[in-house]
PDB file of N, CA and C in Angstrom:
ATOM      1  N   MET A   1     104.804  99.121 118.169  1.00  0.00           N
ATOM      2  CA  MET A   1     105.752  98.972 119.200  1.00  0.00           C
ATOM      3  C   MET A   1     107.031  98.098 118.253  1.00  0.00           C
ATOM      4  N   VAL A   2     107.993  98.564 118.570  1.00  0.00           N
ATOM      5  CA  VAL A   2     109.327  97.903 117.954  1.00  0.00           C
ATOM      6  C   VAL A   2     110.372  97.506 118.963  1.00  0.00           C
ATOM      7  N   PRO A   3     110.695  96.013 118.996  1.00  0.00           N
ATOM      8  CA  PRO A   3     111.726  95.712 120.189  1.00  0.00           C
ATOM      9  C   PRO A   3     113.187  96.117 119.648  1.00  0.00           C
ATOM     10  N   LEU A   4     113.720  96.706 120.604  1.00  0.00           N
ATOM     11  CA  LEU A   4     115.048  97.224 120.579  1.00  0.00           C
ATOM     12  C   LEU A   4     116.115  96.398 121.632  1.00  0.00           C
ATOM     13  N   PRO A   5     117.136  96.236 121.125  1.00  0.00           N
ATOM     14  CA  PRO A   5     118.070  95.735 121.961  1.00  0.00           C
ATOM     15  C   PRO A   5     118.380  96.693 123.262  1.00  0.00           C
ATOM     16  N   ASP A   6     118.656  96.109 124.513  1.00  0.00           N
ATOM     17  CA  ASP A   6     118.964  96.998 125.395  1.00  0.00           C
ATOM     18  C   ASP A   6     119.813  98.228 125.348  1.00  0.00           C
ATOM     19  N   ARG A   7     121.026  98.073 124.615  1.00  0.00           N
ATOM     20  CA  ARG A   7     122.076  99.022 124.424  1.00  0.00           C
ATOM     21  C   ARG A   7     121.511 100.254 123.421  1.00  0.00           C
ATOM     22  N   THR A   8     120.579  99.822 122.659  1.00  0.00           N
ATOM     23  CA  THR A   8     119.868 100.842 121.836  1.00  0.00           C
ATOM     24  C   THR A   8     118.911 101.735 122.528  1.00  0.00           C
ATOM     25  N   LEU A   9     117.876 101.102 123.365  1.00  0.00           N
ATOM     26  CA  LEU A   9     117.196 101.822 124.281  1.00  0.00           C
ATOM     27  C   LEU A   9     117.843 102.702 125.227  1.00  0.00           C
ATOM     28  N   TYR A  10     118.868 102.088 125.778  1.00  0.00           N
ATOM     29  CA  TYR A  10     119.755 102.853 126.496  1.00  0.00           C
ATOM     30  C   TYR A  10     120.321 104.179 125.802  1.00  0.00           C
ATOM     31  N   ALA A  11     121.018 103.885 124.690  1.00  0.00           N
ATOM     32  CA  ALA A  11     121.460 105.092 123.983  1.00  0.00           C
ATOM     33  C   ALA A  11     120.218 106.195 123.606  1.00  0.00           C
ATOM     34  N   LEU A  12     118.961 105.798 123.245  1.00  0.00           N
ATOM     35  CA  LEU A  12     118.061 106.588 123.089  1.00  0.00           C
ATOM     36  C   LEU A  12     117.499 107.318 124.181  1.00  0.00           C
ATOM     37  N   ARG A  13     117.501 106.642 125.354  1.00  0.00           N
ATOM     38  CA  ARG A  13     117.220 107.375 126.766  1.00  0.00           C
ATOM     39  C   ARG A  13     118.344 108.358 126.878  1.00  0.00           C
ATOM     40  N   VAL A  14     119.570 108.221 126.753  1.00  0.00           N
ATOM     41  CA  VAL A  14     120.647 109.292 126.915  1.00  0.00           C
ATOM     42  C   VAL A  14     120.274 110.549 126.107  1.00  0.00           C
ATOM     43  N   LEU A  15     119.987 110.106 124.744  1.00  0.00           N
ATOM     44  CA  LEU A  15     119.615 111.127 123.751  1.00  0.00           C
ATOM     45  C   LEU A  15     118.524 112.044 124.306  1.00  0.00           C
ATOM     46  N   TRP A  16     117.485 111.412 124.666  1.00  0.00           N
ATOM     47  CA  TRP A  16     116.350 112.083 125.215  1.00  0.00           C
ATOM     48  C   TRP A  16     116.606 112.806 126.484  1.00  0.00           C
ATOM     49  N   SER A  17     117.432 112.387 127.312  1.00  0.00           N
ATOM     50  CA  SER A  17     117.841 112.962 128.707  1.00  0.00           C
ATOM     51  C   SER A  17     118.283 114.280 128.429  1.00  0.00           C
ATOM     52  N   LYS A  18     119.178 114.547 127.225  1.00  0.00           N
ATOM     53  CA  LYS A  18     119.843 115.613 126.957  1.00  0.00           C
ATOM     54  C   LYS A  18     118.732 116.815 126.470  1.00  0.00           C
ATOM     55  N   HIS A  19     117.699 116.424 125.646  1.00  0.00           N
ATOM     56  CA  HIS A  19     117.041 117.375 125.073  1.00  0.00           C
ATOM     57  C   HIS A  19     115.592 117.564 125.834  1.00  0.00           C
ATOM     58  N   ARG A  20     115.151 116.379 126.430  1.00  0.00           N
ATOM     59  CA  ARG A  20     113.699 116.246 127.034  1.00  0.00           C
ATOM     60  C   ARG A  20     112.695 116.836 126.322  1.00  0.00           C
ATOM     61  N   HIS A  21     112.553 116.631 125.096  1.00  0.00           N
ATOM     62  CA  HIS A  21     111.193 117.180 124.401  1.00  0.00           C
ATOM     63  C   HIS A  21     109.974 116.119 125.133  1.00  0.00           C
ATOM     64  N   PRO A  22     109.002 116.919 125.133  1.00  0.00           N
ATOM     65  CA  PRO A  22     107.946 116.152 125.707  1.00  0.00           C
ATOM     66  C   PRO A  22     107.409 115.100 124.626  1.00  0.00           C
ATOM     67  N   ASP A  23     107.416 115.376 123.414  1.00  0.00           N
ATOM     68  CA  ASP A  23     106.661 114.537 122.545  1.00  0.00           C
ATOM     69  C   ASP A  23     107.499 113.745 121.291  1.00  0.00           C
ATOM     70  N   MET A  24     108.918 114.281 121.201  1.00  0.00           N
ATOM     71  CA  MET A  24     109.750 113.777 120.082  1.00  0.00           C
ATOM     72  C   MET A  24     110.813 113.199 120.494  1.00  0.00           C
ATOM     73  N   ILE A  25     111.475 111.969 119.985  1.00  0.00           N
ATOM     74  CA  ILE A  25     112.626 111.446 120.312  1.00  0.00           C
ATOM     75  C   ILE A  25     113.679 112.401 119.600  1.00  0.00           C
ATOM     76  N   PHE A  26     113.300 112.818 118.277  1.00  0.00           N
ATOM     77  CA  PHE A  26     114.467 113.327 117.453  1.00  0.00           C
ATOM     78  C   PHE A  26     113.812 114.890 117.007  1.00  0.00           C
ATOM     79  N   PRO A  27     113.727 115.787 118.029  1.00  0.00           N
ATOM     80  CA  PRO A  27     113.436 117.135 117.578  1.00  0.00           C
ATOM     81  C   PRO A  27     114.415 117.831 116.751  1.00  0.00           C
ATOM     82  N   ASN A  28     113.804 118.805 116.092  1.00  0.00           N
ATOM     83  CA  ASN A  28     114.803 119.811 115.321  1.00  0.00           C
ATOM     84  C   ASN A  28     115.704 120.391 116.347  1.00  0.00           C
ATOM     85  N   ALA A  29     117.004 120.131 115.906  1.00  0.00           N
ATOM     86  CA  ALA A  29     118.186 120.442 117.120  1.00  0.00           C
ATOM     87  C   ALA A  29     118.675 121.735 116.767  1.00  0.00           C
ATOM     88  N   ARG A  30     117.913 122.827 116.427  1.00  0.00           N
ATOM     89  CA  ARG A  30     118.726 124.113 116.125  1.00  0.00           C
ATOM     90  C   ARG A  30     118.283 125.093 117.308  1.00  0.00           C
ATOM     91  N   GLY A  31     119.364 125.666 117.760  1.00  0.00           N
ATOM     92  CA  GLY A  31     119.548 126.537 118.960  1.00  0.00           C
ATOM     93  C   GLY A  31     119.400 126.009 120.070  1.00  0.00           C
ATOM     94  N   SER A  32     119.246 126.611 121.349  1.00  0.00           N
ATOM     95  CA  SER A  32     119.585 126.286 122.661  1.00  0.00           C
ATOM     96  C   SER A  32     118.873 124.969 123.044  1.00  0.00           C
ATOM     97  N   LEU A  33     119.056 124.471 124.290  1.00  0.00           N
ATOM     98  CA  LEU A  33     118.128 123.285 124.664  1.00  0.00           C
ATOM     99  C   LEU A  33     116.610 123.777 124.955  1.00  0.00           C
ATOM    100  N   ALA A  34     116.383 124.853 125.324  1.00  0.00           N
ATOM    101  CA  ALA A  34     115.258 125.523 125.817  1.00  0.00           C
ATOM    102  C   ALA A  34     114.437 125.416 124.302  1.00  0.00           C
ATOM    103  N   THR A  35     115.071 126.046 123.250  1.00  0.00           N
ATOM    104  CA  THR A  35     114.327 126.010 121.924  1.00  0.00           C
ATOM    105  C   THR A  35     114.134 124.704 121.274  1.00  0.00           C
ATOM    106  N   ILE A  36     115.061 123.711 121.548  1.00  0.00           N
ATOM    107  CA  ILE A  36     114.957 122.417 121.292  1.00  0.00           C
ATOM    108  C   ILE A  36     113.802 121.791 121.937  1.00  0.00           C
ATOM    109  N   GLN A  37     113.418 121.905 123.104  1.00  0.00           N
ATOM    110  CA  GLN A  37     112.552 121.432 123.886  1.00  0.00           C
ATOM    111  C   GLN A  37     110.999 121.846 123.455  1.00  0.00           C
ATOM    112  N   LYS A  38     111.082 123.108 122.595  1.00  0.00           N
ATOM    113  CA  LYS A  38     109.945 123.702 122.253  1.00  0.00           C
ATOM    114  C   LYS A  38     109.796 123.253 120.660  1.00  0.00           C
ATOM    115  N   ALA A  39     110.524 122.593 120.232  1.00  0.00           N
ATOM    116  CA  ALA A  39     110.475 122.314 118.922  1.00  0.00           C
ATOM    117  C   ALA A  39     109.155 121.918 118.259  1.00  0.00           C
ATOM    118  N   THR A  40     108.795 122.319 117.248  1.00  0.00           N
ATOM    119  CA  THR A  40     107.398 121.780 116.494  1.00  0.00           C
ATOM    120  C   THR A  40     107.588 120.984 115.525  1.00  0.00           C
ATOM    121  N   THR A  41     108.927 120.788 115.068  1.00  0.00           N
ATOM    122  CA  THR A  41     109.222 119.789 113.930  1.00  0.00           C
ATOM    123  C   THR A  41     110.382 118.986 114.296  1.00  0.00           C
ATOM    124  N   HIS A  42     110.438 117.786 113.657  1.00  0.00           N
ATOM    125  CA  HIS A  42     111.465 116.724 113.879  1.00  0.00           C
ATOM    126  C   HIS A  42     112.613 117.213 113.280  1.00  0.00           C
ATOM    127  N   MET A  43     113.658 116.563 113.558  1.00  0.00           N
ATOM    128  CA  MET A  43     114.909 116.590 112.802  1.00  0.00           C
ATOM    129  C   MET A  43     114.886 116.070 111.450  1.00  0.00           C
ATOM    130  N   ASN A  44     115.574 116.732 110.605  1.00  0.00           N
ATOM    131  CA  ASN A  44     115.477 116.444 109.100  1.00  0.00           C
ATOM    132  C   ASN A  44     115.942 115.154 109.050  1.00  0.00           C
ATOM    133  N   VAL A  45     115.859 114.098 107.824  1.00  0.00           N
ATOM    134  CA  VAL A  45     116.283 112.927 107.520  1.00  0.00           C
ATOM    135  C   VAL A  45     117.750 112.789 107.766  1.00  0.00           C
ATOM    136  N   GLY A  46     118.583 113.692 107.356  1.00  0.00           N
ATOM    137  CA  GLY A  46     119.979 113.579 107.391  1.00  0.00           C
ATOM    138  C   GLY A  46     120.219 113.481 108.813  1.00  0.00           C
ATOM    139  N   GLY A  47     119.794 114.312 109.790  1.00  0.00           N
ATOM    140  CA  GLY A  47     120.070 114.474 111.216  1.00  0.00           C
ATOM    141  C   GLY A  47     119.578 113.149 111.971  1.00  0.00           C
ATOM    142  N   THR A  48     118.482 112.732 111.507  1.00  0.00           N
ATOM    143  CA  THR A  48     118.099 111.483 112.040  1.00  0.00           C
ATOM    144  C   THR A  48     119.011 110.266 111.679  1.00  0.00           C
ATOM    145  N   GLN A  49     119.317 110.219 110.381  1.00  0.00           N
ATOM    146  CA  GLN A  49     120.230 109.199 110.006  1.00  0.00           C
ATOM    147  C   GLN A  49     121.628 109.295 110.557  1.00  0.00           C
ATOM    148  N   ASN A  50     122.292 110.704 110.866  1.00  0.00           N
ATOM    149  CA  ASN A  50     123.473 110.670 111.658  1.00  0.00           C
ATOM    150  C   ASN A  50     123.282 110.360 113.043  1.00  0.00           C
ATOM    151  N   ALA A  51     122.130 110.476 113.633  1.00  0.00           N
ATOM    152  CA  ALA A  51     122.021 109.970 115.173  1.00  0.00           C
ATOM    153  C   ALA A  51     121.897 108.562 115.148  1.00  0.00           C
ATOM    154  N   MET A  52     121.151 107.838 114.098  1.00  0.00           N
ATOM    155  CA  MET A  52     121.243 106.341 114.199  1.00  0.00           C
ATOM    156  C   MET A  52     122.385 105.807 113.932  1.00  0.00           C
ATOM    157  N   LYS A  53     123.332 106.458 112.885  1.00  0.00           N
ATOM    158  CA  LYS A  53     124.675 106.040 112.873  1.00  0.00           C
ATOM    159  C   LYS A  53     125.488 106.072 114.107  1.00  0.00           C
ATOM    160  N   THR A  54     125.385 107.110 114.790  1.00  0.00           N
ATOM    161  CA  THR A  54     126.046 107.093 116.048  1.00  0.00           C
ATOM    162  C   THR A  54     125.431 106.073 117.048  1.00  0.00           C
ATOM    163  N   VAL A  55     124.319 106.045 117.036  1.00  0.00           N
ATOM    164  CA  VAL A  55     123.542 104.855 118.036  1.00  0.00           C
ATOM    165  C   VAL A  55     124.417 103.237 117.692  1.00  0.00           C
ATOM    166  N   VAL A  56     124.287 103.238 116.412  1.00  0.00           N
ATOM    167  CA  VAL A  56     124.817 101.847 115.721  1.00  0.00           C
ATOM    168  C   VAL A  56     126.151 101.982 116.022  1.00  0.00           C
ATOM    169  N   SER A  57     127.020 102.815 115.830  1.00  0.00           N
ATOM    170  CA  SER A  57     128.490 102.957 115.957  1.00  0.00           C
ATOM    171  C   SER A  57     128.828 102.699 117.699  1.00  0.00           C
ATOM    172  N   GLU A  58     128.126 103.405 118.594  1.00  0.00           N
ATOM    173  CA  GLU A  58     128.580 103.061 120.001  1.00  0.00           C
ATOM    174  C   GLU A  58     127.942 101.954 120.516  1.00  0.00           C
ATOM    175  N   CYS A  59     126.990 101.166 119.931  1.00  0.00           N
ATOM    176  CA  CYS A  59     126.400 100.039 120.488  1.00  0.00           C
ATOM    177  C   CYS A  59     127.205  98.954 119.564  1.00  0.00           C
ATOM    178  N   ASN A  60     127.956  99.257 118.835  1.00  0.00           N
ATOM    179  CA  ASN A  60     128.757  98.179 118.111  1.00  0.00           C
ATOM    180  C   ASN A  60     128.064  97.213 117.398  1.00  0.00           C
ATOM    181  N   ILE A  61     126.683  97.758 116.704  1.00  0.00           N
ATOM    182  CA  ILE A  61     126.105  96.896 116.096  1.00  0.00           C
ATOM    183  C   ILE A  61     126.640  96.741 114.519  1.00  0.00           C
ATOM    184  N   LYS A  62     126.731  95.638 114.085  1.00  0.00           N
ATOM    185  CA  LYS A  62     127.070  95.109 112.831  1.00  0.00           C
ATOM    186  C   LYS A  62     126.121  95.057 111.953  1.00  0.00           C
ATOM    187  N   LYS A  63     125.965  95.875 110.931  1.00  0.00           N
ATOM    188  CA  LYS A  63     124.858  95.895 109.945  1.00  0.00           C
ATOM    189  C   LYS A  63     125.123  94.883 108.878  1.00  0.00           C
ATOM    190  N   LYS A  64     126.289  94.408 108.550  1.00  0.00           N
ATOM    191  CA  LYS A  64     126.696  93.234 107.657  1.00  0.00           C
ATOM    192  C   LYS A  64     126.974  92.094 108.238  1.00  0.00           C
ATOM    193  N   SER A  65     126.413  91.028 107.709  1.00  0.00           N
ATOM    194  CA  SER A  65     126.583  89.676 108.402  1.00  0.00           C
ATOM    195  C   SER A  65     126.959  88.854 107.225  1.00  0.00           C
ATOM    196  N   LEU A  66     127.726  87.737 107.457  1.00  0.00           N
ATOM    197  CA  LEU A  66     127.961  86.807 106.677  1.00  0.00           C
ATOM    198  C   LEU A  66     126.651  86.083 106.032  1.00  0.00           C
ATOM    199  N   PHE A  67     126.599  85.382 104.882  1.00  0.00           N
ATOM    200  CA  PHE A  67     125.497  84.759 104.169  1.00  0.00           C
ATOM    201  C   PHE A  67     125.319  83.401 105.036  1.00  0.00           C
ATOM    202  N   THR A  68     124.348  83.045 105.567  1.00  0.00           N
ATOM    203  CA  THR A  68     124.193  81.886 106.236  1.00  0.00           C
ATOM    204  C   THR A  68     123.064  81.090 105.439  1.00  0.00           C
ATOM    205  N   PRO A  69     123.356  80.197 104.644  1.00  0.00           N
ATOM    206  CA  PRO A  69     122.304  79.385 103.971  1.00  0.00           C
ATOM    207  C   PRO A  69     121.289  78.759 104.965  1.00  0.00           C
ATOM    208  N   CYS A  70     119.839  78.623 104.699  1.00  0.00           N
ATOM    209  CA  CYS A  70     119.151  77.980 105.456  1.00  0.00           C
ATOM    210  C   CYS A  70     119.288  76.415 105.406  1.00  0.00           C
ATOM    211  N   ALA A  71     119.095  76.111 106.812  1.00  0.00           N
ATOM    212  CA  ALA A  71     119.678  74.855 106.971  1.00  0.00           C
ATOM    213  C   ALA A  71     118.429  73.701 106.652  1.00  0.00           C
ATOM    214  N   THR A  72     117.258  74.516 106.752  1.00  0.00           N
ATOM    215  CA  THR A  72     116.205  73.656 106.145  1.00  0.00           C
ATOM    216  C   THR A  72     115.308  73.927 105.084  1.00  0.00           C
ATOM    217  N   HIS A  73     114.521  73.017 104.536  1.00  0.00           N
ATOM    218  CA  HIS A  73     114.076  73.087 103.395  1.00  0.00           C
ATOM    219  C   HIS A  73     112.506  72.948 103.341  1.00  0.00           C
ATOM    220  N   MET A  74     111.715  73.897 102.915  1.00  0.00           N
ATOM    221  CA  MET A  74     110.338  73.729 103.197  1.00  0.00           C
ATOM    222  C   MET A  74     109.743  73.321 101.860  1.00  0.00           C
ATOM    223  N   ARG A  75     108.617  72.385 101.970  1.00  0.00           N
ATOM    224  CA  ARG A  75     108.110  71.864 100.444  1.00  0.00           C
ATOM    225  C   ARG A  75     107.144  73.020 100.101  1.00  0.00           C
ATOM    226  N   PRO A  76     107.099  73.012  98.840  1.00  0.00           N
ATOM    227  CA  PRO A  76     106.222  74.137  98.286  1.00  0.00           C
ATOM    228  C   PRO A  76     104.965  74.229  98.753  1.00  0.00           C
ATOM    229  N   THR A  77     104.146  75.137  99.052  1.00  0.00           N
ATOM    230  CA  THR A  77     102.860  74.954  99.645  1.00  0.00           C
ATOM    231  C   THR A  77     101.915  75.409  98.459  1.00  0.00           C
ATOM    232  N   CYS A  78     102.229  75.627  97.498  1.00  0.00           N
ATOM    233  CA  CYS A  78     101.124  75.975  96.063  1.00  0.00           C
ATOM    234  C   CYS A  78     100.883  74.654  95.739  1.00  0.00           C
ATOM    235  N   LEU A  79      99.637  74.430  95.538  1.00  0.00           N
ATOM    236  CA  LEU A  79      99.039  73.049  95.047  1.00  0.00           C
ATOM    237  C   LEU A  79      99.675  72.877  93.490  1.00  0.00           C
ATOM    238  N   ASN A  80      99.892  73.969  92.652  1.00  0.00           N
ATOM    239  CA  ASN A  80     100.504  73.631  91.286  1.00  0.00           C
ATOM    240  C   ASN A  80     101.866  73.453  91.315  1.00  0.00           C
ATOM    241  N   ALA A  81     102.560  73.691  92.455  1.00  0.00           N
ATOM    242  CA  ALA A  81     104.165  73.638  92.321  1.00  0.00           C
ATOM    243  C   ALA A  81     104.608  72.276  92.075  1.00  0.00           C
ATOM    244  N   VAL A  82     105.695  72.133  91.457  1.00  0.00           N
ATOM    245  CA  VAL A  82     106.279  70.708  91.186  1.00  0.00           C
ATOM    246  C   VAL A  82     107.415  70.483  92.012  1.00  0.00           C
TER     247      VAL A  82
END
């Protein structure tokens, strides 16, 4: 199981509602919708990456964030640590 933001889940549902493949979220998208629904292979890596880039873009997910230093400090847990 993977936790997803609501907007990402919605975008994946919209994608699936277009092709409605019974077993795959990202089936090989060659041909008509009927062909895609019967696909036996998944979309190639480049196609999957493009689909996820579209989802990230449409959901306004920011991949880069500013560095935030940790506000707490944990003591070393190793007995030999100084």
